[in-house]
Amino acid sequence: MKDTRPEVRGAMRRLPYMGVIAVVAAAEKLGFYNGHPDWINLGQGQPEVGPMEGAPPRVSQIRMRPIDHAYGPVHGTPELRQKIADHYNRLYRTGKSSQYTADNVAVCSGGRLALARAVFAMAPCKVGYMVPDYSAYEDLLGGQSPRLDLHPVLTREENGFALTPQDMSTAVHRDGVEAFIVSNPCNPTGIVVEGGELAAWVSLARDASMTLLADEFYSHFHYAEEGGPASGPVSAAAHVADVDADPVLVFDGLTKSFRYPGWRIGWVVGPKPLIECFITAGSSMDGGPPRAMQRAALEVLRPEQADEETAAVRHVFAAKRDLMVRRLRDMGLRFAKEPRGTFYCWASIAGLPAPFNDADVFFEEALKRKVLTVPGYYFDIDPGQRRAETGSLDQWMRFSFGPPMEDVVRGLDRLEEMLG
């Protein structure tokens, strides 16, 4: 997609838009805005946020207290940090001798800021990442070079674009990678690494002293192989042996699985020494999250409330996932592997008749029908455009089933009409 922004003069540099933001910016020129009744956003990176079948009532009021007007702790309130630790112990650490405490948790104003803090706190080292993966990683990592030596691992279509334990092991043992950042479940592909393969990631981090940054913001969007909801969430925290020794940082928040993206409440869970580095970075970067939103988060993470919400997420989104997979396949799009997580379908348009087999054409033609989609090349992470091998994702698109079912159906109807 051509960048039509005006030239930057002076001391500032023009940064690239991450994928979804670029898509929205292009649509806004044609009249789109969030909530517009005529537009369907199949590119959106947030889940539906309204009332939902099987989910508890939405938190709709937050009462301010005098203390809320003051700065809060850089790492979050003690009450919320302990609530998050309890949440992880209940879901992933039952029966294990090593348990998370409040000191293993830091709270931050959103997921991207949490990841930015962690990357900012890294010592000079070789950092691995996979392609394709979350588009924000490109400038997140690129902004810290040349201090960080960046090492891409190109995943393969025949593996469904999954990062295998062997891929990660090769990066560590052959290529000298000392830290690895990866989203799981993966945005954009919907691939989920779980069970023995996820345990192998954690074991590699432990044995090789490799810091694993596990971006798990879609942890509860988990579906069964045959379709329908999975029995529960997925997390590297389940495979950690010693919460204070294994160099595994788990990132999550209220943004996706609890459907409160506007609250900007994210967190990181990990060993106390690494959490201390994270806190120190926050003292200079952002100063910490607001108190009032953290107090409201205590209610969201109450066990009964949390389980009811996340179970509803799996059931409702599994139905939308199954519908979108079927409809896109009927239109002639192809999957390397059907999504088992997130609320995205990652599909190839290579088999469509020209000109719709070109990502930019597909995107522009969909915009004419007031439908937003995301070209796959936004997830071809290449900080500083240093890689020689690029362009392999130019015939892939990401489609979101984040909107309510009726909007997903309307958007798919328009795409089907577009393709004739």
Protein backbone atom coordinates (compact mmCIF):
# COMPACT_ATOMS: atom_id res chain seq x y z
CA MET A 1 0.00 0.00 0.00
CA LYS A 2 1.53 3.31 -1.08
CA ASP A 3 2.41 5.77 1.69
CA THR A 4 0.82 9.10 0.74
CA ARG A 5 1.72 11.02 3.89
CA PRO A 6 3.53 14.34 3.42
CA GLU A 7 7.30 14.56 3.76
CA VAL A 8 8.58 15.08 7.30
CA ARG A 9 10.78 18.14 7.85
CA GLY A 10 12.89 18.87 10.88
CA ALA A 11 14.25 16.53 13.51
CA MET A 12 11.40 13.99 13.59
CA ARG A 13 11.40 10.74 11.63
CA ARG A 14 8.38 9.28 9.90
CA LEU A 15 7.56 5.89 11.42
CA PRO A 16 5.62 3.21 9.57
CA TYR A 17 2.02 2.55 10.52
CA MET A 18 1.46 -0.93 11.90
CA GLY A 19 -0.88 -2.97 9.69
CA VAL A 20 -4.27 -2.30 11.25
CA ILE A 21 -3.56 1.42 11.70
CA ALA A 22 -2.54 1.78 8.05
CA VAL A 23 -5.70 0.00 6.95
CA VAL A 24 -7.91 2.22 9.10
CA ALA A 25 -6.12 5.36 7.89
CA ALA A 26 -6.84 4.38 4.27
CA ALA A 27 -10.50 3.63 5.08
CA GLU A 28 -10.96 6.92 6.96
CA LYS A 29 -10.20 8.80 3.74
CA LEU A 30 -13.31 7.13 2.31
CA GLY A 31 -15.51 8.00 5.29
CA PHE A 32 -14.94 5.11 7.68
CA TYR A 33 -15.06 5.60 11.43
CA ASN A 34 -15.46 3.10 14.25
CA GLY A 35 -19.14 2.35 14.66
CA HIS A 36 -20.14 3.53 11.17
CA PRO A 37 -23.29 1.51 10.35
CA ASP A 38 -22.40 1.06 6.66
CA TRP A 39 -18.83 -0.18 7.14
CA ILE A 40 -17.65 -3.67 8.18
CA ASN A 41 -14.21 -3.92 9.76
CA LEU A 42 -12.87 -7.38 8.99
CA GLY A 43 -9.44 -5.94 9.68
CA GLN A 44 -10.00 -4.97 13.30
CA GLY A 45 -7.56 -6.06 15.98
CA GLN A 46 -10.02 -5.98 18.86
CA PRO A 47 -12.85 -8.35 19.79
CA GLU A 48 -16.48 -7.27 19.99
CA VAL A 49 -16.86 -5.38 23.26
CA GLY A 50 -20.62 -5.33 23.87
CA PRO A 51 -22.96 -7.78 25.63
CA MET A 52 -22.36 -11.33 24.41
CA GLU A 53 -24.21 -14.62 24.80
CA GLY A 54 -23.04 -16.51 27.87
CA ALA A 55 -20.83 -13.67 29.12
CA PRO A 56 -21.36 -11.79 32.40
CA PRO A 57 -22.63 -8.19 32.26
CA ARG A 58 -20.08 -5.66 31.07
CA VAL A 59 -18.41 -3.47 33.70
CA SER A 60 -19.98 -0.10 32.90
CA GLN A 61 -19.07 2.15 35.82
CA ILE A 62 -15.77 3.00 37.51
CA ARG A 63 -15.92 5.16 40.62
CA MET A 64 -12.97 7.49 41.15
CA ARG A 65 -11.33 7.93 44.56
CA PRO A 66 -9.13 10.85 45.72
CA ILE A 67 -6.02 8.64 45.55
CA ASP A 68 -6.75 7.95 41.86
CA HIS A 69 -5.66 11.49 40.97
CA ALA A 70 -2.12 10.72 42.12
CA TYR A 71 0.57 8.63 40.49
CA GLY A 72 0.31 4.94 41.21
CA PRO A 73 3.11 2.38 41.57
CA VAL A 74 5.19 1.97 38.40
CA HIS A 75 4.60 -1.79 38.49
CA GLY A 76 0.89 -1.65 39.38
CA THR A 77 -1.08 -1.84 42.60
CA PRO A 78 -0.27 -4.69 45.00
CA GLU A 79 -3.91 -5.84 44.91
CA LEU A 80 -4.02 -6.28 41.14
CA ARG A 81 -0.57 -7.85 40.94
CA GLN A 82 -1.61 -10.47 43.51
CA LYS A 83 -4.93 -11.03 41.69
CA ILE A 84 -3.04 -11.71 38.44
CA ALA A 85 -0.63 -14.08 40.22
CA ASP A 86 -3.60 -15.95 41.69
CA HIS A 87 -5.20 -16.09 38.24
CA TYR A 88 -2.12 -17.79 36.75
CA ASN A 89 -1.66 -20.16 39.66
CA ARG A 90 -5.32 -21.23 39.46
CA LEU A 91 -5.30 -21.80 35.69
CA TYR A 92 -1.78 -23.14 35.10
CA ARG A 93 0.04 -23.95 38.36
CA THR A 94 -2.36 -26.17 40.33
CA GLY A 95 -0.41 -28.81 42.24
CA LYS A 96 2.98 -27.27 41.43
CA SER A 97 5.32 -26.34 44.27
CA SER A 98 6.52 -23.17 42.53
CA GLN A 99 3.82 -20.50 42.56
CA TYR A 100 3.65 -16.93 41.26
CA THR A 101 3.33 -14.08 43.76
CA ALA A 102 2.66 -10.36 43.37
CA ASP A 103 6.43 -9.88 43.02
CA ASN A 104 6.34 -11.96 39.83
CA VAL A 105 3.91 -9.53 38.18
CA ALA A 106 4.08 -6.02 36.75
CA VAL A 107 1.11 -4.14 35.31
CA CYS A 108 1.37 -1.74 32.39
CA SER A 109 -0.85 0.55 30.32
CA GLY A 110 -1.51 -1.88 27.50
CA GLY A 111 0.20 -4.74 25.73
CA ARG A 112 2.39 -2.84 23.30
CA LEU A 113 3.79 -0.72 26.11
CA ALA A 114 4.46 -3.86 28.16
CA LEU A 115 6.41 -5.39 25.27
CA ALA A 116 8.19 -2.07 24.62
CA ARG A 117 9.30 -1.91 28.25
CA ALA A 118 10.72 -5.43 28.04
CA VAL A 119 12.60 -4.77 24.80
CA PHE A 120 13.90 -1.46 26.16
CA ALA A 121 15.23 -3.30 29.24
CA MET A 122 17.19 -5.88 27.20
CA ALA A 123 20.96 -5.86 27.36
CA PRO A 124 22.75 -5.92 23.99
CA CYS A 125 22.02 -9.40 22.65
CA LYS A 126 20.80 -11.39 19.67
CA VAL A 127 16.99 -11.41 19.52
CA GLY A 128 15.00 -13.91 17.48
CA TYR A 129 11.53 -13.41 16.04
CA MET A 130 9.46 -15.33 13.54
CA VAL A 131 7.90 -14.30 10.24
CA PRO A 132 4.99 -13.78 9.93
CA ASP A 133 4.11 -12.39 13.35
CA TYR A 134 2.52 -9.36 15.02
CA SER A 135 3.18 -6.29 12.87
CA ALA A 136 4.03 -3.99 15.82
CA TYR A 137 7.19 -6.01 16.46
CA GLU A 138 8.81 -4.43 13.41
CA ASP A 139 9.33 -0.96 14.85
CA LEU A 140 9.34 -2.23 18.44
CA LEU A 141 12.51 -4.19 17.67
CA GLY A 142 13.87 -1.88 14.98
CA GLY A 143 13.78 1.07 17.34
CA GLN A 144 16.31 -0.66 19.58
CA SER A 145 18.85 -1.55 16.90
CA PRO A 146 21.84 -1.63 16.59
CA ARG A 147 21.87 -2.35 20.33
CA LEU A 148 19.90 -5.52 19.55
CA ASP A 149 21.14 -7.93 16.89
CA LEU A 150 17.91 -9.04 15.19
CA HIS A 151 17.53 -12.56 13.83
CA PRO A 152 14.43 -13.49 11.76
CA VAL A 153 13.22 -17.09 11.55
CA LEU A 154 11.13 -17.56 8.42
CA THR A 155 8.40 -20.10 9.12
CA ARG A 156 7.17 -22.37 6.35
CA GLU A 157 3.79 -22.63 4.71
CA GLU A 158 3.96 -26.43 4.78
CA ASN A 159 4.11 -26.21 8.60
CA GLY A 160 1.15 -23.83 8.65
CA PHE A 161 3.59 -20.97 9.44
CA ALA A 162 4.14 -22.47 12.90
CA LEU A 163 7.43 -21.96 14.74
CA THR A 164 8.52 -25.50 15.59
CA PRO A 165 10.70 -26.39 18.60
CA GLN A 166 13.41 -27.35 16.09
CA ASP A 167 13.21 -23.88 14.50
CA MET A 168 13.72 -22.27 17.89
CA SER A 169 16.46 -24.70 18.88
CA THR A 170 18.38 -24.01 15.68
CA ALA A 171 18.11 -20.28 16.26
CA VAL A 172 19.53 -20.68 19.78
CA HIS A 173 22.17 -23.37 19.37
CA ARG A 174 23.37 -22.67 15.81
CA ASP A 175 22.71 -18.94 15.41
CA GLY A 176 23.34 -17.74 18.95
CA VAL A 177 19.92 -16.24 19.71
CA GLU A 178 19.75 -15.15 23.37
CA ALA A 179 16.13 -13.95 23.50
CA PHE A 180 13.06 -14.80 21.43
CA ILE A 181 9.81 -12.85 21.10
CA VAL A 182 6.80 -14.69 19.73
CA SER A 183 3.01 -14.40 19.82
CA ASN A 184 1.16 -17.58 20.80
CA PRO A 185 -1.64 -17.93 19.74
CA CYS A 186 -0.17 -16.15 16.75
CA ASN A 187 -1.41 -12.92 15.21
CA PRO A 188 -1.90 -13.12 12.19
CA THR A 189 -1.94 -16.85 11.43
CA GLY A 190 -4.09 -18.16 14.28
CA ILE A 191 -1.55 -20.96 14.84
CA VAL A 192 -1.35 -22.28 18.42
CA VAL A 193 1.72 -24.01 19.86
CA GLU A 194 0.63 -26.08 22.86
CA GLY A 195 1.27 -29.27 24.80
CA GLY A 196 4.63 -30.91 24.22
CA GLU A 197 5.79 -28.36 21.65
CA LEU A 198 5.11 -25.44 24.01
CA ALA A 199 6.82 -27.36 26.81
CA ALA A 200 9.83 -27.75 24.50
CA TRP A 201 9.99 -23.96 24.00
CA VAL A 202 10.05 -23.46 27.77
CA SER A 203 12.56 -26.25 28.31
CA LEU A 204 14.87 -24.71 25.69
CA ALA A 205 14.66 -21.35 27.43
CA ARG A 206 15.50 -22.99 30.76
CA ASP A 207 18.36 -25.15 29.53
CA ALA A 208 19.97 -22.55 27.25
CA SER A 209 19.31 -19.51 29.48
CA MET A 210 17.42 -18.00 26.55
CA THR A 211 14.86 -15.35 27.53
CA LEU A 212 11.48 -16.28 26.07
CA LEU A 213 9.05 -13.38 25.64
CA ALA A 214 5.69 -15.12 25.17
CA ASP A 215 3.05 -12.70 23.87
CA GLU A 216 -0.16 -14.47 24.96
CA PHE A 217 -2.80 -11.80 24.48
CA TYR A 218 -5.01 -14.30 22.63
CA SER A 219 -4.55 -17.05 25.23
CA HIS A 220 -8.28 -17.75 25.68
CA PHE A 221 -9.17 -17.65 21.97
CA HIS A 222 -8.50 -21.36 21.60
CA TYR A 223 -10.42 -23.76 19.34
CA ALA A 224 -10.57 -27.52 18.86
CA GLU A 225 -8.94 -29.24 15.87
CA GLU A 226 -12.32 -30.28 14.51
CA GLY A 227 -13.88 -26.85 15.13
CA GLY A 228 -15.78 -25.50 18.09
CA PRO A 229 -14.27 -24.25 21.37
CA ALA A 230 -11.28 -25.83 23.06
CA SER A 231 -11.58 -26.84 26.70
CA GLY A 232 -9.46 -23.97 28.01
CA PRO A 233 -6.68 -21.44 27.40
CA VAL A 234 -3.04 -22.00 26.52
CA SER A 235 0.04 -20.53 28.26
CA ALA A 236 3.76 -21.12 28.64
CA ALA A 237 3.18 -20.55 32.37
CA ALA A 238 1.87 -24.12 32.61
CA HIS A 239 5.30 -25.50 31.66
CA VAL A 240 7.54 -23.33 33.84
CA ALA A 241 9.41 -25.38 36.45
CA ASP A 242 10.58 -22.59 38.76
CA VAL A 243 8.79 -19.25 38.44
CA ASP A 244 11.87 -17.38 39.71
CA ALA A 245 14.49 -19.25 37.68
CA ASP A 246 13.06 -20.09 34.26
CA PRO A 247 13.71 -17.06 31.98
CA VAL A 248 10.14 -16.94 30.65
CA LEU A 249 8.15 -13.69 30.49
CA VAL A 250 4.42 -14.09 29.79
CA PHE A 251 2.51 -11.07 28.45
CA ASP A 252 -1.28 -10.76 28.55
CA GLY A 253 -3.99 -8.38 29.70
CA LEU A 254 -7.65 -7.40 29.59
CA THR A 255 -7.35 -6.27 25.95
CA LYS A 256 -8.41 -9.39 24.06
CA SER A 257 -9.61 -12.32 26.19
CA PHE A 258 -11.64 -10.13 28.54
CA ARG A 259 -12.77 -7.75 25.78
CA TYR A 260 -11.72 -4.47 27.45
CA PRO A 261 -9.17 -3.11 24.95
CA GLY A 262 -9.90 0.52 25.79
CA TRP A 263 -8.92 0.03 29.41
CA ARG A 264 -5.26 -0.37 28.39
CA ILE A 265 -4.46 -2.87 31.15
CA GLY A 266 -1.68 -5.29 30.31
CA TRP A 267 0.76 -7.26 32.42
CA VAL A 268 3.88 -9.37 32.41
CA VAL A 269 4.43 -12.43 34.60
CA GLY A 270 7.89 -13.88 35.16
CA PRO A 271 10.94 -14.30 37.44
CA LYS A 272 11.43 -11.58 40.03
CA PRO A 273 14.84 -10.43 38.69
CA LEU A 274 13.41 -9.94 35.17
CA ILE A 275 10.32 -8.19 36.56
CA GLU A 276 12.64 -5.80 38.38
CA CYS A 277 14.27 -4.89 35.05
CA PHE A 278 10.82 -4.33 33.57
CA ILE A 279 9.88 -2.01 36.45
CA THR A 280 13.07 0.00 36.09
CA ALA A 281 12.37 0.51 32.39
CA GLY A 282 8.87 1.75 33.22
CA SER A 283 10.18 4.34 35.65
CA SER A 284 11.75 6.20 32.73
CA MET A 285 9.37 5.26 29.91
CA ASP A 286 5.83 5.78 31.20
CA GLY A 287 5.60 6.02 34.98
CA GLY A 288 2.97 3.32 35.51
CA PRO A 289 -0.72 2.59 34.88
CA PRO A 290 -3.72 4.50 36.32
CA ARG A 291 -5.11 3.28 39.62
CA ALA A 292 -8.83 3.44 38.82
CA MET A 293 -8.64 1.03 35.88
CA GLN A 294 -6.60 -1.39 37.97
CA ARG A 295 -9.23 -1.40 40.69
CA ALA A 296 -11.90 -2.15 38.11
CA ALA A 297 -9.75 -5.00 36.79
CA LEU A 298 -10.04 -6.74 40.18
CA GLU A 299 -13.71 -7.44 39.43
CA VAL A 300 -12.96 -8.68 35.90
CA LEU A 301 -10.40 -11.17 37.26
CA ARG A 302 -12.65 -12.50 40.01
CA PRO A 303 -12.52 -16.27 39.30
CA GLU A 304 -16.24 -16.78 38.64
CA GLN A 305 -16.42 -13.69 36.43
CA ALA A 306 -13.22 -14.49 34.57
CA ASP A 307 -14.20 -18.10 33.84
CA GLU A 308 -17.68 -17.14 32.66
CA GLU A 309 -16.29 -14.46 30.33
CA THR A 310 -13.51 -16.55 28.80
CA ALA A 311 -15.73 -19.61 28.31
CA ALA A 312 -18.22 -17.41 26.46
CA VAL A 313 -15.38 -16.02 24.34
CA ARG A 314 -14.38 -19.50 23.21
CA HIS A 315 -17.93 -20.55 22.36
CA VAL A 316 -19.01 -17.38 20.53
CA PHE A 317 -15.77 -16.88 18.64
CA ALA A 318 -15.49 -20.56 17.69
CA ALA A 319 -18.83 -20.26 15.88
CA LYS A 320 -17.61 -17.17 14.00
CA ARG A 321 -14.32 -18.90 13.22
CA ASP A 322 -16.05 -21.97 11.77
CA LEU A 323 -18.30 -19.79 9.61
CA MET A 324 -15.47 -17.62 8.26
CA VAL A 325 -13.23 -20.59 7.46
CA ARG A 326 -16.03 -22.24 5.48
CA ARG A 327 -17.11 -19.08 3.65
CA LEU A 328 -13.58 -18.02 2.65
CA ARG A 329 -12.78 -21.51 1.41
CA ASP A 330 -15.98 -21.50 -0.67
CA MET A 331 -14.83 -18.21 -2.24
CA GLY A 332 -11.61 -19.85 -3.43
CA LEU A 333 -9.21 -18.76 -0.68
CA ARG A 334 -6.80 -21.32 0.75
CA PHE A 335 -5.49 -22.01 4.24
CA ALA A 336 -2.04 -23.30 5.10
CA LYS A 337 -3.68 -24.45 8.31
CA GLU A 338 -7.04 -23.55 9.80
CA PRO A 339 -6.76 -21.18 12.80
CA ARG A 340 -6.80 -22.81 16.23
CA GLY A 341 -6.49 -19.49 18.08
CA THR A 342 -6.97 -15.68 17.92
CA PHE A 343 -9.89 -14.22 15.95
CA TYR A 344 -8.14 -14.13 12.60
CA CYS A 345 -8.22 -16.17 9.43
CA TRP A 346 -4.91 -16.14 7.52
CA ALA A 347 -5.72 -17.10 3.95
CA SER A 348 -4.03 -17.16 0.57
CA ILE A 349 -5.57 -15.29 -2.37
CA ALA A 350 -3.07 -16.80 -4.85
CA GLY A 351 -5.74 -19.02 -6.39
CA LEU A 352 -8.22 -16.22 -7.04
CA PRO A 353 -8.64 -14.89 -10.58
CA ALA A 354 -6.66 -11.77 -11.45
CA PRO A 355 -6.66 -9.04 -10.30
CA PHE A 356 -7.98 -10.30 -6.95
CA ASN A 357 -4.87 -12.42 -6.39
CA ASP A 358 -2.94 -9.25 -5.56
CA ALA A 359 -3.19 -8.11 -1.92
CA ASP A 360 -3.36 -4.39 -2.70
CA VAL A 361 -6.07 -4.89 -5.34
CA PHE A 362 -8.06 -7.14 -3.02
CA PHE A 363 -7.76 -4.56 -0.23
CA GLU A 364 -8.76 -1.61 -2.44
CA GLU A 365 -11.68 -3.43 -4.04
CA ALA A 366 -12.97 -4.48 -0.62
CA LEU A 367 -12.76 -0.86 0.55
CA LYS A 368 -15.03 0.12 -2.35
CA ARG A 369 -17.59 -2.19 -0.77
CA LYS A 370 -16.95 -0.67 2.68
CA VAL A 371 -15.11 -3.72 4.03
CA LEU A 372 -11.70 -3.51 5.73
CA THR A 373 -9.15 -6.34 5.40
CA VAL A 374 -5.39 -6.46 6.07
CA PRO A 375 -2.77 -7.37 3.41
CA GLY A 376 -0.40 -10.08 4.58
CA TYR A 377 2.80 -8.16 3.86
CA TYR A 378 2.23 -6.06 6.99
CA PHE A 379 3.22 -9.14 9.00
CA ASP A 380 6.44 -9.74 7.04
CA ILE A 381 8.52 -8.29 9.87
CA ASP A 382 11.72 -6.71 8.61
CA PRO A 383 13.03 -3.90 10.84
CA GLY A 384 15.01 -1.48 8.69
CA GLN A 385 14.17 -3.51 5.58
CA ARG A 386 17.45 -5.43 5.79
CA ARG A 387 16.31 -8.85 4.57
CA ALA A 388 16.93 -9.95 1.01
CA GLU A 389 14.05 -12.45 1.09
CA THR A 390 10.76 -10.53 1.06
CA GLY A 391 7.48 -10.64 -0.80
CA SER A 392 6.46 -14.19 0.14
CA LEU A 393 3.38 -12.90 1.99
CA ASP A 394 2.10 -10.59 -0.76
CA GLN A 395 -0.68 -13.01 -1.67
CA TRP A 396 -1.92 -13.55 1.87
CA MET A 397 -4.64 -11.63 3.70
CA ARG A 398 -5.73 -11.45 7.33
CA PHE A 399 -9.47 -11.45 8.00
CA SER A 400 -10.85 -10.69 11.47
CA PHE A 401 -13.89 -12.30 13.02
CA GLY A 402 -13.57 -9.89 15.93
CA PRO A 403 -16.84 -8.06 15.07
CA PRO A 404 -20.25 -9.44 16.11
CA MET A 405 -21.59 -12.35 14.06
CA GLU A 406 -24.06 -10.27 12.06
CA ASP A 407 -21.26 -7.95 10.93
CA VAL A 408 -18.99 -10.87 10.04
CA VAL A 409 -21.78 -12.30 7.87
CA ARG A 410 -22.41 -8.96 6.16
CA GLY A 411 -18.72 -8.49 5.45
CA LEU A 412 -18.34 -11.99 4.00
CA ASP A 413 -21.44 -11.44 1.85
CA ARG A 414 -19.83 -8.33 0.35
CA LEU A 415 -16.54 -10.11 -0.32
CA GLU A 416 -18.41 -12.96 -1.99
CA GLU A 417 -20.25 -10.44 -4.17
CA MET A 418 -16.92 -8.75 -4.99
CA LEU A 419 -15.44 -12.05 -6.17
CA GLY A 420 -18.48 -12.84 -8.26
